[in-house]
């Protein structure tokens, strides 16, 4: 396994315009995901509430602890 991309809560009932990428600055994977989002006219953003520590409390963190590049994205 080289990477883990966790797509939480992506509900396609409205056009996706803003994508929160938890871990966007933690590896090249976050930069890659942000660039792909921009190519599709989707605005990528880092965690808007970092004080909640969502990055380390999320599903992908167990992969990160094992050295697997991981991000989580959501349209919350």
N, C-alpha and C. Protein backbone atom coordinates (compact mmCIF):
# COMPACT_ATOMS: atom_id res chain seq x y z
N UNK A 1 0.86 -1.18 0.00
CA UNK A 1 0.00 0.00 0.00
C UNK A 1 0.90 1.23 0.00
N UNK A 2 0.63 2.15 -0.90
CA UNK A 2 1.43 3.37 -0.98
C UNK A 2 0.70 4.60 -0.47
N UNK A 3 -0.63 4.54 -0.42
CA UNK A 3 -1.39 5.71 0.03
C UNK A 3 -2.80 5.31 0.42
N UNK A 4 -3.41 6.16 1.25
CA UNK A 4 -4.79 5.97 1.68
C UNK A 4 -5.52 7.29 1.50
N UNK A 5 -6.59 7.28 0.73
CA UNK A 5 -7.42 8.47 0.54
C UNK A 5 -8.80 8.15 1.09
N UNK A 6 -9.15 8.78 2.19
CA UNK A 6 -10.42 8.55 2.87
C UNK A 6 -11.39 9.64 2.43
N UNK A 7 -12.44 9.27 1.71
CA UNK A 7 -13.42 10.25 1.26
C UNK A 7 -14.68 10.13 2.10
N UNK A 8 -14.71 10.88 3.16
CA UNK A 8 -15.81 10.84 4.11
C UNK A 8 -16.90 11.82 3.73
N UNK A 9 -18.14 11.40 3.85
CA UNK A 9 -19.30 12.27 3.73
C UNK A 9 -19.42 13.00 2.40
N UNK A 10 -18.96 12.43 1.32
CA UNK A 10 -19.14 13.06 0.02
C UNK A 10 -20.52 12.71 -0.49
N UNK A 11 -21.46 13.62 -0.31
CA UNK A 11 -22.85 13.40 -0.68
C UNK A 11 -23.13 14.19 -1.97
N UNK A 12 -23.30 13.51 -3.09
CA UNK A 12 -23.42 14.21 -4.38
C UNK A 12 -24.81 14.77 -4.67
N UNK A 13 -25.42 15.49 -3.73
CA UNK A 13 -26.75 16.06 -4.00
C UNK A 13 -26.66 17.51 -4.48
N UNK A 14 -25.50 18.13 -4.31
CA UNK A 14 -25.26 19.48 -4.81
C UNK A 14 -23.88 19.49 -5.46
N UNK A 15 -23.64 20.40 -6.38
CA UNK A 15 -22.31 20.46 -6.98
C UNK A 15 -21.24 20.75 -5.92
N UNK A 16 -20.17 20.02 -5.97
CA UNK A 16 -19.06 20.18 -5.02
C UNK A 16 -18.27 21.43 -5.38
N UNK A 17 -18.18 22.36 -4.43
CA UNK A 17 -17.46 23.60 -4.67
C UNK A 17 -16.29 23.79 -3.70
N UNK A 18 -16.40 23.22 -2.50
CA UNK A 18 -15.38 23.38 -1.46
C UNK A 18 -15.07 22.02 -0.88
N UNK A 19 -13.79 21.66 -0.83
CA UNK A 19 -13.38 20.36 -0.33
C UNK A 19 -12.37 20.56 0.80
N UNK A 20 -12.71 20.09 1.98
CA UNK A 20 -11.79 20.13 3.11
C UNK A 20 -10.91 18.90 3.03
N UNK A 21 -9.60 19.12 3.05
CA UNK A 21 -8.64 18.02 2.97
C UNK A 21 -7.83 18.00 4.26
N UNK A 22 -8.17 17.09 5.15
CA UNK A 22 -7.43 16.96 6.41
C UNK A 22 -6.09 16.31 6.11
N UNK A 23 -5.02 16.96 6.51
CA UNK A 23 -3.67 16.47 6.23
C UNK A 23 -3.10 17.03 4.95
N UNK A 24 -3.70 18.09 4.45
CA UNK A 24 -3.26 18.68 3.18
C UNK A 24 -1.78 19.08 3.19
N UNK A 25 -1.29 19.50 4.35
CA UNK A 25 0.11 19.92 4.43
C UNK A 25 1.04 18.89 5.02
N UNK A 26 0.56 17.67 5.21
CA UNK A 26 1.37 16.64 5.86
C UNK A 26 2.24 15.83 4.90
N UNK A 27 1.91 15.85 3.61
CA UNK A 27 2.70 15.11 2.63
C UNK A 27 2.40 15.65 1.23
N UNK A 28 3.13 15.14 0.25
CA UNK A 28 2.86 15.50 -1.14
C UNK A 28 1.47 15.05 -1.58
N UNK A 29 0.93 14.06 -0.91
CA UNK A 29 -0.40 13.56 -1.26
C UNK A 29 -1.46 14.65 -1.11
N UNK A 30 -1.36 15.46 -0.06
CA UNK A 30 -2.29 16.56 0.14
C UNK A 30 -2.19 17.60 -0.95
N UNK A 31 -0.96 17.92 -1.34
CA UNK A 31 -0.74 18.89 -2.43
C UNK A 31 -1.31 18.34 -3.73
N UNK A 32 -1.10 17.05 -3.97
CA UNK A 32 -1.62 16.42 -5.18
C UNK A 32 -3.15 16.48 -5.21
N UNK A 33 -3.78 16.15 -4.07
CA UNK A 33 -5.24 16.18 -4.00
C UNK A 33 -5.78 17.59 -4.22
N UNK A 34 -5.10 18.58 -3.65
CA UNK A 34 -5.52 19.98 -3.82
C UNK A 34 -5.42 20.39 -5.29
N UNK A 35 -4.37 19.98 -5.95
CA UNK A 35 -4.19 20.33 -7.37
C UNK A 35 -5.28 19.68 -8.23
N UNK A 36 -5.61 18.44 -7.95
CA UNK A 36 -6.67 17.75 -8.70
C UNK A 36 -8.01 18.46 -8.46
N UNK A 37 -8.28 18.84 -7.23
CA UNK A 37 -9.53 19.55 -6.92
C UNK A 37 -9.62 20.84 -7.72
N UNK A 38 -8.52 21.61 -7.75
CA UNK A 38 -8.51 22.87 -8.49
C UNK A 38 -8.76 22.66 -9.98
N UNK A 39 -8.24 21.58 -10.53
CA UNK A 39 -8.45 21.28 -11.95
C UNK A 39 -9.92 21.04 -12.26
N UNK A 40 -10.70 20.72 -11.24
CA UNK A 40 -12.13 20.48 -11.41
C UNK A 40 -12.98 21.62 -10.83
N UNK A 41 -12.34 22.78 -10.68
CA UNK A 41 -13.01 23.99 -10.17
C UNK A 41 -13.58 23.80 -8.76
N UNK A 42 -12.88 23.02 -7.96
CA UNK A 42 -13.25 22.80 -6.57
C UNK A 42 -12.18 23.46 -5.70
N UNK A 43 -12.60 24.27 -4.76
CA UNK A 43 -11.67 24.97 -3.88
C UNK A 43 -11.23 24.05 -2.75
N UNK A 44 -9.93 23.70 -2.68
CA UNK A 44 -9.45 22.89 -1.56
C UNK A 44 -9.13 23.78 -0.36
N UNK A 45 -9.37 23.24 0.84
CA UNK A 45 -9.00 23.98 2.04
C UNK A 45 -8.46 23.01 3.09
N UNK A 46 -7.61 23.54 3.94
CA UNK A 46 -7.10 22.79 5.07
C UNK A 46 -8.19 22.75 6.14
N UNK A 47 -7.93 22.08 7.21
CA UNK A 47 -8.88 21.96 8.32
C UNK A 47 -9.30 23.36 8.80
N UNK A 48 -10.58 23.72 8.68
CA UNK A 48 -11.02 25.05 9.11
C UNK A 48 -11.08 25.20 10.63
N UNK A 49 -11.02 24.08 11.35
CA UNK A 49 -11.06 24.12 12.83
C UNK A 49 -9.96 23.21 13.39
N UNK A 50 -8.69 23.58 13.22
CA UNK A 50 -7.60 22.70 13.66
C UNK A 50 -7.59 22.43 15.16
N UNK A 51 -8.21 23.28 15.94
CA UNK A 51 -8.25 23.07 17.39
C UNK A 51 -9.03 21.80 17.76
N UNK A 52 -9.84 21.29 16.84
CA UNK A 52 -10.59 20.06 17.09
C UNK A 52 -9.74 18.80 16.89
N UNK A 53 -8.54 18.95 16.33
CA UNK A 53 -7.63 17.82 16.09
C UNK A 53 -8.27 16.72 15.24
N UNK A 54 -9.07 17.10 14.27
CA UNK A 54 -9.75 16.12 13.42
C UNK A 54 -8.77 15.22 12.66
N UNK A 55 -7.64 15.76 12.29
CA UNK A 55 -6.66 14.99 11.52
C UNK A 55 -6.20 13.75 12.29
N UNK A 56 -5.92 13.88 13.55
CA UNK A 56 -5.42 12.73 14.32
C UNK A 56 -6.56 11.89 14.90
N UNK A 57 -7.79 12.37 14.84
CA UNK A 57 -8.93 11.60 15.35
C UNK A 57 -9.69 10.90 14.23
N UNK A 58 -9.20 10.99 13.01
CA UNK A 58 -9.93 10.47 11.88
C UNK A 58 -9.46 9.06 11.49
N UNK A 59 -10.23 8.43 10.61
CA UNK A 59 -9.96 7.05 10.20
C UNK A 59 -8.57 6.84 9.61
N UNK A 60 -8.07 7.81 8.88
CA UNK A 60 -6.81 7.61 8.18
C UNK A 60 -5.60 7.65 9.09
N UNK A 61 -5.75 8.10 10.32
CA UNK A 61 -4.59 8.29 11.19
C UNK A 61 -3.87 6.98 11.51
N UNK A 62 -4.58 5.87 11.58
CA UNK A 62 -3.92 4.58 11.84
C UNK A 62 -2.98 4.23 10.69
N UNK A 63 -3.33 4.61 9.47
CA UNK A 63 -2.43 4.40 8.33
C UNK A 63 -1.19 5.28 8.45
N UNK A 64 -1.39 6.52 8.84
CA UNK A 64 -0.27 7.46 8.99
C UNK A 64 0.72 6.95 10.03
N UNK A 65 0.23 6.41 11.11
CA UNK A 65 1.10 5.89 12.17
C UNK A 65 1.95 4.73 11.67
N UNK A 66 1.51 4.06 10.61
CA UNK A 66 2.27 2.95 10.01
C UNK A 66 3.12 3.41 8.83
N UNK A 67 3.15 4.73 8.57
CA UNK A 67 3.99 5.26 7.50
C UNK A 67 3.34 5.32 6.13
N UNK A 68 2.02 5.13 6.06
CA UNK A 68 1.31 5.20 4.78
C UNK A 68 0.79 6.63 4.60
N UNK A 69 1.15 7.28 3.50
CA UNK A 69 0.65 8.62 3.22
C UNK A 69 -0.87 8.59 3.17
N UNK A 70 -1.52 9.46 3.92
CA UNK A 70 -2.98 9.41 4.02
C UNK A 70 -3.56 10.81 4.15
N UNK A 71 -4.73 10.99 3.56
CA UNK A 71 -5.51 12.21 3.72
C UNK A 71 -6.97 11.83 3.84
N UNK A 72 -7.74 12.73 4.37
CA UNK A 72 -9.19 12.56 4.42
C UNK A 72 -9.81 13.79 3.79
N UNK A 73 -10.81 13.59 2.98
CA UNK A 73 -11.51 14.73 2.38
C UNK A 73 -12.99 14.65 2.71
N UNK A 74 -13.59 15.81 2.85
CA UNK A 74 -15.00 15.88 3.17
C UNK A 74 -15.58 17.16 2.60
N UNK A 75 -16.86 17.16 2.37
CA UNK A 75 -17.53 18.37 1.89
C UNK A 75 -18.46 18.92 2.96
N UNK A 76 -18.11 18.73 4.21
CA UNK A 76 -18.97 19.18 5.32
C UNK A 76 -19.20 20.66 5.33
